[in-house]
């Protein structure tokens, strides 16, 4: 699962594990990943977060807000990783870095981590924009491959347009082809 993680992203997960141990819990929550992002080595995610808050303020806020994540029902940390992987794929990045983890964390506004950031007065959408504005584009090979695929299938009825009408037309076309 962590094969495409950069060393920095792995360091975040390791720091999140350490935060879990420090807090004497048996599970990793989104809040642990947030602290792990702040504690990790300097990277884009750490720099952007540090411009808005610090680890002490985050820890303090996390103790003040009512927790919704618990050992019995915490898919939030898993969701953070899944969102990070999907975001990296969507950006045509061949790796998952701390910035992808932070973006993944911001996807779930009901998580303890997102709620703590909001309580600290941080605009989550602005934070996303700051990260996305500084992320490099996907690799040139991936970008070229994406453009070649788009060009190759630009007139295909299943790909052309995203409107409901076009999808319905494409479905009718497929059905009529099957009948022949």
N, C-alpha and C. Protein backbone atom coordinates (compact mmCIF):
# COMPACT_ATOMS: atom_id res chain seq x y z
N UNK A 1 0.82 -1.20 0.00
CA UNK A 1 0.00 0.00 0.00
C UNK A 1 0.86 1.26 0.00
N UNK A 2 2.01 1.19 0.65
CA UNK A 2 2.85 2.37 0.76
C UNK A 2 3.99 2.39 -0.26
N UNK A 3 3.91 1.54 -1.27
CA UNK A 3 4.97 1.42 -2.25
C UNK A 3 5.24 2.70 -3.02
N UNK A 4 4.21 3.49 -3.31
CA UNK A 4 4.39 4.72 -4.07
C UNK A 4 4.61 5.94 -3.17
N UNK A 5 4.69 5.73 -1.86
CA UNK A 5 4.91 6.82 -0.92
C UNK A 5 6.36 7.29 -1.00
N UNK A 6 6.54 8.60 -0.97
CA UNK A 6 7.89 9.14 -0.89
C UNK A 6 8.43 8.90 0.51
N UNK A 7 9.71 9.09 0.69
CA UNK A 7 10.30 8.95 2.03
C UNK A 7 9.65 9.95 3.00
N UNK A 8 9.35 11.14 2.51
CA UNK A 8 8.71 12.15 3.36
C UNK A 8 7.32 11.69 3.80
N UNK A 9 6.56 11.09 2.89
CA UNK A 9 5.22 10.60 3.24
C UNK A 9 5.32 9.44 4.23
N UNK A 10 6.31 8.60 4.05
CA UNK A 10 6.51 7.51 5.00
C UNK A 10 6.89 8.05 6.37
N UNK A 11 7.67 9.13 6.38
CA UNK A 11 8.05 9.77 7.65
C UNK A 11 6.81 10.34 8.35
N UNK A 12 5.85 10.85 7.57
CA UNK A 12 4.60 11.36 8.14
C UNK A 12 3.84 10.23 8.82
N UNK A 13 3.73 9.09 8.14
CA UNK A 13 3.01 7.95 8.71
C UNK A 13 3.73 7.44 9.96
N UNK A 14 5.06 7.44 9.92
CA UNK A 14 5.84 7.03 11.09
C UNK A 14 5.60 7.99 12.25
N UNK A 15 5.59 9.29 11.96
CA UNK A 15 5.32 10.29 13.00
C UNK A 15 3.89 10.16 13.53
N UNK A 16 2.95 9.81 12.66
CA UNK A 16 1.56 9.58 13.08
C UNK A 16 1.50 8.39 14.03
N UNK A 17 2.25 7.34 13.73
CA UNK A 17 2.33 6.17 14.63
C UNK A 17 2.90 6.58 15.99
N UNK A 18 3.93 7.41 15.97
CA UNK A 18 4.53 7.87 17.22
C UNK A 18 3.54 8.73 18.01
N UNK A 19 2.76 9.54 17.31
CA UNK A 19 1.75 10.37 17.98
C UNK A 19 0.68 9.48 18.62
N UNK A 20 0.32 8.41 17.94
CA UNK A 20 -0.65 7.46 18.50
C UNK A 20 -0.11 6.86 19.79
N UNK A 21 1.16 6.49 19.78
CA UNK A 21 1.81 5.93 20.98
C UNK A 21 1.85 6.98 22.09
N UNK A 22 2.21 8.21 21.73
CA UNK A 22 2.27 9.30 22.72
C UNK A 22 0.91 9.53 23.36
N UNK A 23 -0.15 9.42 22.56
CA UNK A 23 -1.51 9.65 23.06
C UNK A 23 -2.09 8.38 23.71
N UNK A 24 -1.30 7.31 23.72
CA UNK A 24 -1.72 6.04 24.34
C UNK A 24 -3.00 5.50 23.72
N UNK A 25 -3.03 5.48 22.38
CA UNK A 25 -4.19 4.93 21.66
C UNK A 25 -3.74 3.74 20.83
N UNK A 26 -4.70 2.92 20.47
CA UNK A 26 -4.42 1.71 19.70
C UNK A 26 -4.70 1.88 18.21
N UNK A 27 -5.12 3.04 17.79
CA UNK A 27 -5.48 3.26 16.39
C UNK A 27 -4.88 4.58 15.93
N UNK A 28 -4.71 4.69 14.62
CA UNK A 28 -4.24 5.95 14.03
C UNK A 28 -5.47 6.68 13.53
N UNK A 29 -5.61 7.92 13.94
CA UNK A 29 -6.72 8.75 13.48
C UNK A 29 -6.22 9.83 12.54
N UNK A 30 -7.15 10.53 11.95
CA UNK A 30 -6.77 11.63 11.05
C UNK A 30 -5.98 12.68 11.82
N UNK A 31 -6.30 12.85 13.10
CA UNK A 31 -5.58 13.82 13.92
C UNK A 31 -4.10 13.44 14.06
N UNK A 32 -3.82 12.14 14.14
CA UNK A 32 -2.42 11.70 14.22
C UNK A 32 -1.67 11.99 12.91
N UNK A 33 -2.37 11.82 11.80
CA UNK A 33 -1.75 12.12 10.50
C UNK A 33 -1.48 13.61 10.40
N UNK A 34 -2.41 14.43 10.90
CA UNK A 34 -2.20 15.88 10.88
C UNK A 34 -0.97 16.26 11.71
N UNK A 35 -0.86 15.72 12.91
CA UNK A 35 0.31 15.99 13.74
C UNK A 35 1.56 15.45 13.05
N UNK A 36 1.45 14.27 12.44
CA UNK A 36 2.58 13.70 11.69
C UNK A 36 3.04 14.61 10.56
N UNK A 37 2.08 15.26 9.90
CA UNK A 37 2.44 16.21 8.84
C UNK A 37 3.22 17.39 9.41
N UNK A 38 2.83 17.85 10.59
CA UNK A 38 3.51 18.99 11.21
C UNK A 38 4.88 18.60 11.76
N UNK A 39 5.01 17.36 12.18
CA UNK A 39 6.26 16.90 12.80
C UNK A 39 7.28 16.42 11.79
N UNK A 40 6.84 16.11 10.61
CA UNK A 40 7.73 15.55 9.60
C UNK A 40 8.77 16.55 9.13
N UNK A 41 9.62 16.06 8.26
CA UNK A 41 10.67 16.91 7.71
C UNK A 41 10.04 18.00 6.84
N UNK A 42 10.79 19.05 6.61
CA UNK A 42 10.29 20.19 5.84
C UNK A 42 9.90 19.75 4.42
N UNK A 43 8.67 20.05 4.07
CA UNK A 43 8.17 19.76 2.74
C UNK A 43 7.04 20.76 2.46
N UNK A 44 6.45 20.67 1.30
CA UNK A 44 5.40 21.61 0.91
C UNK A 44 4.24 21.61 1.90
N UNK A 45 3.76 20.44 2.30
CA UNK A 45 2.63 20.35 3.22
C UNK A 45 2.97 20.98 4.57
N UNK A 46 4.16 20.69 5.08
CA UNK A 46 4.59 21.24 6.36
C UNK A 46 4.69 22.76 6.29
N UNK A 47 5.26 23.27 5.20
CA UNK A 47 5.41 24.72 5.04
C UNK A 47 4.07 25.42 4.98
N UNK A 48 3.13 24.86 4.24
CA UNK A 48 1.82 25.48 4.11
C UNK A 48 1.08 25.44 5.43
N UNK A 49 1.11 24.30 6.11
CA UNK A 49 0.47 24.21 7.43
C UNK A 49 1.11 25.18 8.43
N UNK A 50 2.45 25.24 8.41
CA UNK A 50 3.17 26.10 9.35
C UNK A 50 2.86 27.58 9.14
N UNK A 51 2.45 27.94 7.93
CA UNK A 51 2.07 29.33 7.67
C UNK A 51 0.75 29.69 8.36
N UNK A 52 0.00 28.68 8.76
CA UNK A 52 -1.32 28.91 9.36
C UNK A 52 -1.37 28.57 10.85
N UNK A 53 -0.54 27.62 11.30
CA UNK A 53 -0.63 27.16 12.69
C UNK A 53 0.66 26.44 13.06
N UNK A 54 0.68 25.88 14.26
CA UNK A 54 1.83 25.09 14.70
C UNK A 54 1.34 23.84 15.41
N UNK A 55 2.25 22.92 15.66
CA UNK A 55 1.85 21.63 16.22
C UNK A 55 1.26 21.77 17.61
N UNK A 56 1.75 22.71 18.41
CA UNK A 56 1.20 22.89 19.76
C UNK A 56 -0.25 23.35 19.70
N UNK A 57 -0.55 24.28 18.81
CA UNK A 57 -1.93 24.76 18.66
C UNK A 57 -2.85 23.64 18.18
N UNK A 58 -2.35 22.81 17.28
CA UNK A 58 -3.15 21.69 16.78
C UNK A 58 -3.42 20.70 17.90
N UNK A 59 -2.39 20.33 18.62
CA UNK A 59 -2.58 19.38 19.73
C UNK A 59 -3.56 19.93 20.76
N UNK A 60 -3.43 21.20 21.08
CA UNK A 60 -4.33 21.83 22.06
C UNK A 60 -5.77 21.78 21.56
N UNK A 61 -5.98 22.16 20.32
CA UNK A 61 -7.33 22.17 19.75
C UNK A 61 -7.90 20.76 19.69
N UNK A 62 -7.06 19.78 19.38
CA UNK A 62 -7.52 18.39 19.31
C UNK A 62 -7.98 17.89 20.68
N UNK A 63 -7.40 18.41 21.76
CA UNK A 63 -7.86 18.01 23.09
C UNK A 63 -9.15 18.71 23.48
N UNK A 64 -9.43 19.85 22.85
CA UNK A 64 -10.63 20.63 23.19
C UNK A 64 -11.88 20.18 22.45
N UNK A 65 -11.73 19.73 21.21
CA UNK A 65 -12.93 19.38 20.44
C UNK A 65 -13.39 17.97 20.79
N UNK A 66 -14.70 17.74 20.73
CA UNK A 66 -15.18 16.37 20.97
C UNK A 66 -14.73 15.45 19.83
N UNK A 67 -14.19 14.31 20.20
CA UNK A 67 -13.70 13.35 19.20
C UNK A 67 -14.87 12.59 18.58
N UNK A 68 -14.79 12.41 17.26
CA UNK A 68 -15.78 11.55 16.60
C UNK A 68 -15.12 10.25 16.15
N UNK A 69 -13.80 10.24 16.13
CA UNK A 69 -13.08 9.04 15.74
C UNK A 69 -12.75 8.23 16.98
N UNK A 70 -12.89 6.94 16.87
CA UNK A 70 -12.54 6.05 17.97
C UNK A 70 -12.00 4.75 17.40
N UNK A 71 -11.45 3.92 18.28
CA UNK A 71 -10.87 2.65 17.85
C UNK A 71 -11.91 1.78 17.15
N UNK A 72 -13.13 1.81 17.68
CA UNK A 72 -14.18 0.96 17.14
C UNK A 72 -14.63 1.37 15.74
N UNK A 73 -14.54 2.65 15.44
CA UNK A 73 -15.06 3.11 14.14
C UNK A 73 -14.22 4.26 13.59
N UNK A 74 -13.03 3.97 13.14
CA UNK A 74 -12.22 5.03 12.57
C UNK A 74 -11.72 4.68 11.17
N UNK A 75 -12.59 4.86 10.20
CA UNK A 75 -12.13 4.69 8.82
C UNK A 75 -11.44 5.95 8.32
N UNK A 76 -11.40 6.99 9.15
CA UNK A 76 -10.88 8.28 8.69
C UNK A 76 -9.42 8.22 8.24
N UNK A 77 -8.56 7.57 8.99
CA UNK A 77 -7.14 7.50 8.60
C UNK A 77 -6.99 6.72 7.31
N UNK A 78 -7.74 5.64 7.19
CA UNK A 78 -7.69 4.85 5.95
C UNK A 78 -8.20 5.69 4.78
N UNK A 79 -9.25 6.46 5.02
CA UNK A 79 -9.80 7.32 3.98
C UNK A 79 -8.79 8.38 3.55
N UNK A 80 -8.04 8.90 4.51
CA UNK A 80 -7.01 9.91 4.19
C UNK A 80 -6.03 9.33 3.18
N UNK A 81 -5.58 8.11 3.43
CA UNK A 81 -4.61 7.46 2.53
C UNK A 81 -5.26 7.17 1.18
N UNK A 82 -6.48 6.67 1.19
CA UNK A 82 -7.17 6.39 -0.07
C UNK A 82 -7.39 7.67 -0.87
N UNK A 83 -7.83 8.72 -0.20
CA UNK A 83 -8.01 10.01 -0.89
C UNK A 83 -6.68 10.51 -1.44
N UNK A 84 -5.62 10.37 -0.67
CA UNK A 84 -4.29 10.82 -1.13
C UNK A 84 -3.88 10.08 -2.39
N UNK A 85 -4.14 8.78 -2.42
CA UNK A 85 -3.78 7.98 -3.60
C UNK A 85 -4.61 8.42 -4.81
N UNK A 86 -5.89 8.64 -4.61
CA UNK A 86 -6.76 9.08 -5.71
C UNK A 86 -6.38 10.47 -6.19
N UNK A 87 -6.03 11.35 -5.28
CA UNK A 87 -5.63 12.70 -5.66
C UNK A 87 -4.34 12.65 -6.47
N UNK A 88 -3.38 11.86 -6.02
CA UNK A 88 -2.12 11.73 -6.77
C UNK A 88 -2.37 11.21 -8.17
N UNK A 89 -3.23 10.20 -8.29
CA UNK A 89 -3.57 9.67 -9.61
C UNK A 89 -4.24 10.73 -10.47
N UNK A 90 -5.17 11.47 -9.87
CA UNK A 90 -5.87 12.52 -10.61
C UNK A 90 -4.95 13.63 -11.09
N UNK A 91 -3.88 13.85 -10.35
CA UNK A 91 -2.90 14.88 -10.74
C UNK A 91 -1.80 14.31 -11.63
N UNK A 92 -1.91 13.03 -11.96
CA UNK A 92 -0.92 12.33 -12.78
C UNK A 92 0.46 12.33 -12.13
N UNK A 93 0.47 12.17 -10.82
CA UNK A 93 1.73 12.04 -10.09
C UNK A 93 2.01 10.55 -9.89
N UNK A 94 3.25 10.18 -10.05
CA UNK A 94 3.63 8.78 -9.90
C UNK A 94 3.99 8.44 -8.46
N UNK A 95 3.86 9.38 -7.58
CA UNK A 95 4.25 9.21 -6.17
C UNK A 95 3.15 9.78 -5.28
N UNK A 96 3.21 9.44 -4.02
CA UNK A 96 2.32 10.02 -3.01
C UNK A 96 3.22 10.68 -1.97
N UNK A 97 3.09 11.99 -1.87
CA UNK A 97 3.90 12.75 -0.93
C UNK A 97 3.06 13.31 0.20
N UNK A 98 3.69 14.01 1.12
CA UNK A 98 2.96 14.61 2.24
C UNK A 98 1.85 15.57 1.78
N UNK A 99 2.08 16.25 0.68
CA UNK A 99 1.07 17.18 0.17
C UNK A 99 -0.19 16.43 -0.26
N UNK A 100 -0.02 15.23 -0.80
CA UNK A 100 -1.19 14.41 -1.17
C UNK A 100 -1.91 13.93 0.09
N UNK A 101 -1.13 13.59 1.13
CA UNK A 101 -1.74 13.19 2.41
C UNK A 101 -2.55 14.35 3.00
N UNK A 102 -1.99 15.55 2.93
CA UNK A 102 -2.72 16.70 3.45
C UNK A 102 -3.99 16.95 2.65
N UNK A 103 -3.89 16.88 1.34
CA UNK A 103 -5.10 17.03 0.51
C UNK A 103 -6.12 15.94 0.82
N UNK A 104 -5.63 14.72 1.02
CA UNK A 104 -6.53 13.62 1.38
C UNK A 104 -7.20 13.86 2.72
N UNK A 105 -6.45 14.41 3.65
CA UNK A 105 -6.98 14.73 4.97
C UNK A 105 -8.07 15.81 4.87
N UNK A 106 -7.87 16.76 4.00
CA UNK A 106 -8.83 17.87 3.85
C UNK A 106 -10.11 17.45 3.14
N UNK A 107 -10.09 16.29 2.47
CA UNK A 107 -11.29 15.81 1.75
C UNK A 107 -12.44 15.52 2.70
N UNK A 108 -12.12 14.99 3.87
CA UNK A 108 -13.15 14.59 4.83
C UNK A 108 -13.30 15.67 5.89
N UNK A 109 -14.25 16.57 5.68
CA UNK A 109 -14.42 17.71 6.59
C UNK A 109 -15.00 17.30 7.94
N UNK A 110 -15.47 16.07 8.06
CA UNK A 110 -16.02 15.62 9.35
C UNK A 110 -14.96 14.96 10.24
N UNK A 111 -13.76 14.77 9.72
CA UNK A 111 -12.71 14.12 10.51
C UNK A 111 -12.27 15.05 11.64
N UNK A 112 -11.69 14.44 12.68
CA UNK A 112 -11.18 15.23 13.80
C UNK A 112 -10.15 16.25 13.34
N UNK A 113 -9.29 15.85 12.42
CA UNK A 113 -8.23 16.75 11.95
C UNK A 113 -8.81 17.96 11.21
N UNK A 114 -9.72 17.73 10.29
CA UNK A 114 -10.33 18.84 9.55
C UNK A 114 -11.11 19.75 10.47
N UNK A 115 -11.82 19.17 11.43
CA UNK A 115 -12.58 19.97 12.37
C UNK A 115 -11.66 20.83 13.23
N UNK A 116 -10.52 20.28 13.64
CA UNK A 116 -9.55 21.04 14.44
C UNK A 116 -9.00 22.22 13.64
N UNK A 117 -8.66 21.97 12.37
CA UNK A 117 -8.15 23.06 11.53
C UNK A 117 -9.20 24.16 11.36
N UNK A 118 -10.44 23.75 11.15
CA UNK A 118 -11.52 24.72 11.01
C UNK A 118 -11.70 25.51 12.30
N UNK A 119 -11.65 24.83 13.44
CA UNK A 119 -11.78 25.49 14.74
C UNK A 119 -10.64 26.49 14.98
N UNK A 120 -9.50 26.23 14.38
CA UNK A 120 -8.37 27.15 14.48
C UNK A 120 -8.51 28.34 13.53
N UNK A 121 -9.61 28.37 12.78
CA UNK A 121 -9.87 29.48 11.87
C UNK A 121 -9.23 29.32 10.50
N UNK A 122 -8.84 28.12 10.17
CA UNK A 122 -8.19 27.87 8.88
C UNK A 122 -9.24 27.49 7.86
N UNK A 123 -9.24 28.16 6.75
CA UNK A 123 -10.17 27.88 5.65
C UNK A 123 -9.63 26.68 4.87
N UNK A 124 -10.34 25.56 4.94
CA UNK A 124 -9.86 24.33 4.31
C UNK A 124 -9.76 24.46 2.79
N UNK A 125 -10.71 25.15 2.18
CA UNK A 125 -10.65 25.34 0.72
C UNK A 125 -9.45 26.19 0.32
N UNK A 126 -9.15 27.20 1.12
CA UNK A 126 -7.98 28.03 0.84
C UNK A 126 -6.70 27.21 0.98
N UNK A 127 -6.68 26.35 1.99
CA UNK A 127 -5.52 25.49 2.20
C UNK A 127 -5.32 24.56 1.00
N UNK A 128 -6.42 23.97 0.51
CA UNK A 128 -6.35 23.12 -0.68
C UNK A 128 -5.80 23.90 -1.87
N UNK A 129 -6.31 25.12 -2.06
CA UNK A 129 -5.87 25.94 -3.18
C UNK A 129 -4.38 26.26 -3.09
N UNK A 130 -3.92 26.55 -1.89
CA UNK A 130 -2.50 26.85 -1.70
C UNK A 130 -1.64 25.64 -2.09
N UNK A 131 -2.06 24.47 -1.67
CA UNK A 131 -1.29 23.25 -1.98
C UNK A 131 -1.31 22.99 -3.47
N UNK A 132 -2.51 22.97 -4.04
CA UNK A 132 -2.63 22.67 -5.47
C UNK A 132 -1.90 23.69 -6.33
N UNK A 133 -1.87 24.94 -5.88
CA UNK A 133 -1.19 26.00 -6.62
C UNK A 133 0.32 25.82 -6.64
N UNK A 134 0.85 25.07 -5.68
CA UNK A 134 2.30 24.90 -5.61
C UNK A 134 2.78 23.51 -6.01
N UNK A 135 1.84 22.61 -6.24
CA UNK A 135 2.24 21.26 -6.67
C UNK A 135 2.73 21.28 -8.11
N UNK A 136 3.76 20.53 -8.40
CA UNK A 136 4.21 20.45 -9.79
C UNK A 136 3.22 19.64 -10.61
N UNK A 137 3.16 19.87 -11.91
CA UNK A 137 2.28 19.05 -12.75
C UNK A 137 2.80 17.62 -12.80
N UNK A 138 1.95 16.71 -13.25
CA UNK A 138 2.37 15.32 -13.39
C UNK A 138 3.55 15.21 -14.34
N UNK A 139 4.17 14.06 -14.38
CA UNK A 139 5.35 13.88 -15.23
C UNK A 139 4.99 14.11 -16.70
N UNK A 140 5.96 14.53 -17.47
CA UNK A 140 5.69 14.85 -18.87
C UNK A 140 5.22 13.62 -19.65
N UNK A 141 5.76 12.44 -19.30
CA UNK A 141 5.31 11.22 -19.99
C UNK A 141 3.83 10.96 -19.69
N UNK A 142 3.44 11.13 -18.44
CA UNK A 142 2.04 10.90 -18.07
C UNK A 142 1.13 11.91 -18.74
N UNK A 143 1.56 13.16 -18.76
CA UNK A 143 0.76 14.21 -19.38
C UNK A 143 0.63 13.95 -20.88
N UNK A 144 1.72 13.56 -21.53
CA UNK A 144 1.67 13.24 -22.95
C UNK A 144 0.78 12.04 -23.22
N UNK A 145 0.89 11.03 -22.37
CA UNK A 145 0.06 9.84 -22.53
C UNK A 145 -1.42 10.18 -22.37
N UNK A 146 -1.74 11.02 -21.40
CA UNK A 146 -3.13 11.45 -21.18
C UNK A 146 -3.65 12.17 -22.41
N UNK A 147 -2.85 13.06 -22.97
CA UNK A 147 -3.28 13.82 -24.15
C UNK A 147 -3.45 12.90 -25.36
N UNK A 148 -2.56 11.92 -25.52
CA UNK A 148 -2.70 10.96 -26.62
C UNK A 148 -3.99 10.16 -26.49
N UNK A 149 -4.30 9.74 -25.28
CA UNK A 149 -5.53 8.98 -25.05
C UNK A 149 -6.74 9.86 -25.34
N UNK A 150 -6.72 11.09 -24.86
CA UNK A 150 -7.84 12.01 -25.14
C UNK A 150 -8.02 12.21 -26.64
N UNK A 151 -6.92 12.42 -27.34
CA UNK A 151 -6.98 12.64 -28.78
C UNK A 151 -7.52 11.40 -29.50
N UNK A 152 -7.02 10.26 -29.10
CA UNK A 152 -7.42 9.01 -29.75
C UNK A 152 -8.91 8.73 -29.59
N UNK A 153 -9.46 9.05 -28.44
CA UNK A 153 -10.84 8.72 -28.15
C UNK A 153 -11.77 9.93 -28.14
N UNK A 154 -11.33 11.05 -28.68
CA UNK A 154 -12.13 12.28 -28.58
C UNK A 154 -13.50 12.16 -29.26
N UNK A 155 -13.63 11.33 -30.29
CA UNK A 155 -14.91 11.19 -30.98
C UNK A 155 -15.69 9.95 -30.56
N UNK A 156 -15.17 9.22 -29.61
CA UNK A 156 -15.85 8.01 -29.15
C UNK A 156 -17.10 8.42 -28.37
N UNK A 157 -18.25 7.79 -28.64
CA UNK A 157 -19.49 8.22 -27.99
C UNK A 157 -19.49 8.05 -26.47
N UNK A 158 -18.71 7.13 -25.95
CA UNK A 158 -18.66 6.93 -24.50
C UNK A 158 -17.78 7.96 -23.80
N UNK A 159 -16.90 8.61 -24.53
CA UNK A 159 -15.96 9.56 -23.95
C UNK A 159 -16.36 10.99 -24.26
N UNK A 160 -16.88 11.20 -25.43
CA UNK A 160 -17.18 12.54 -25.90
C UNK A 160 -18.22 13.20 -25.01
N UNK A 161 -17.85 14.29 -24.38
CA UNK A 161 -18.77 15.05 -23.53
C UNK A 161 -19.10 14.33 -22.25
N UNK A 162 -19.60 15.06 -21.30
CA UNK A 162 -19.96 14.48 -20.02
C UNK A 162 -21.41 14.74 -19.67
N UNK A 163 -22.17 15.23 -20.63
CA UNK A 163 -23.56 15.54 -20.32
C UNK A 163 -24.39 14.27 -20.26
N UNK A 164 -25.50 14.35 -19.57
CA UNK A 164 -26.40 13.20 -19.46
C UNK A 164 -26.90 12.81 -20.83
N UNK A 165 -27.19 13.79 -21.66
CA UNK A 165 -27.69 13.51 -23.01
C UNK A 165 -26.69 12.67 -23.79
N UNK A 166 -25.41 13.04 -23.72
CA UNK A 166 -24.39 12.27 -24.44
C UNK A 166 -24.26 10.87 -23.88
N UNK A 167 -24.38 10.71 -22.56
CA UNK A 167 -24.30 9.38 -21.98
C UNK A 167 -25.47 8.53 -22.42
N UNK A 168 -26.66 9.12 -22.45
CA UNK A 168 -27.85 8.38 -22.90
C UNK A 168 -27.72 7.98 -24.36
N UNK A 169 -27.21 8.89 -25.18
CA UNK A 169 -27.00 8.60 -26.59
C UNK A 169 -25.99 7.47 -26.74
N UNK A 170 -24.93 7.50 -25.96
CA UNK A 170 -23.91 6.46 -26.02
C UNK A 170 -24.49 5.11 -25.62
N UNK A 171 -25.34 5.11 -24.60
CA UNK A 171 -25.96 3.86 -24.16
C UNK A 171 -26.88 3.30 -25.25
N UNK A 172 -27.66 4.17 -25.90
CA UNK A 172 -28.53 3.71 -26.98
C UNK A 172 -27.70 3.15 -28.12
N UNK A 173 -26.60 3.81 -28.44
CA UNK A 173 -25.73 3.36 -29.52
C UNK A 173 -25.18 1.97 -29.20
N UNK A 174 -24.74 1.75 -27.96
CA UNK A 174 -24.22 0.45 -27.57
C UNK A 174 -25.30 -0.62 -27.67
N UNK A 175 -26.49 -0.30 -27.21
CA UNK A 175 -27.60 -1.27 -27.26
C UNK A 175 -27.94 -1.63 -28.70
N UNK A 176 -27.95 -0.62 -29.58
CA UNK A 176 -28.29 -0.91 -30.99
C UNK A 176 -27.18 -1.74 -31.63
N UNK A 177 -25.93 -1.55 -31.24
CA UNK A 177 -24.83 -2.34 -31.77
C UNK A 177 -24.95 -3.80 -31.34
N UNK A 178 -25.38 -4.01 -30.11
CA UNK A 178 -25.53 -5.38 -29.60
C UNK A 178 -26.62 -6.14 -30.34
N UNK A 179 -27.66 -5.44 -30.72
CA UNK A 179 -28.78 -6.07 -31.43
C UNK A 179 -28.39 -6.54 -32.82
N UNK A 180 -27.46 -5.86 -33.45
CA UNK A 180 -27.05 -6.17 -34.83
C UNK A 180 -26.24 -7.37 -34.91
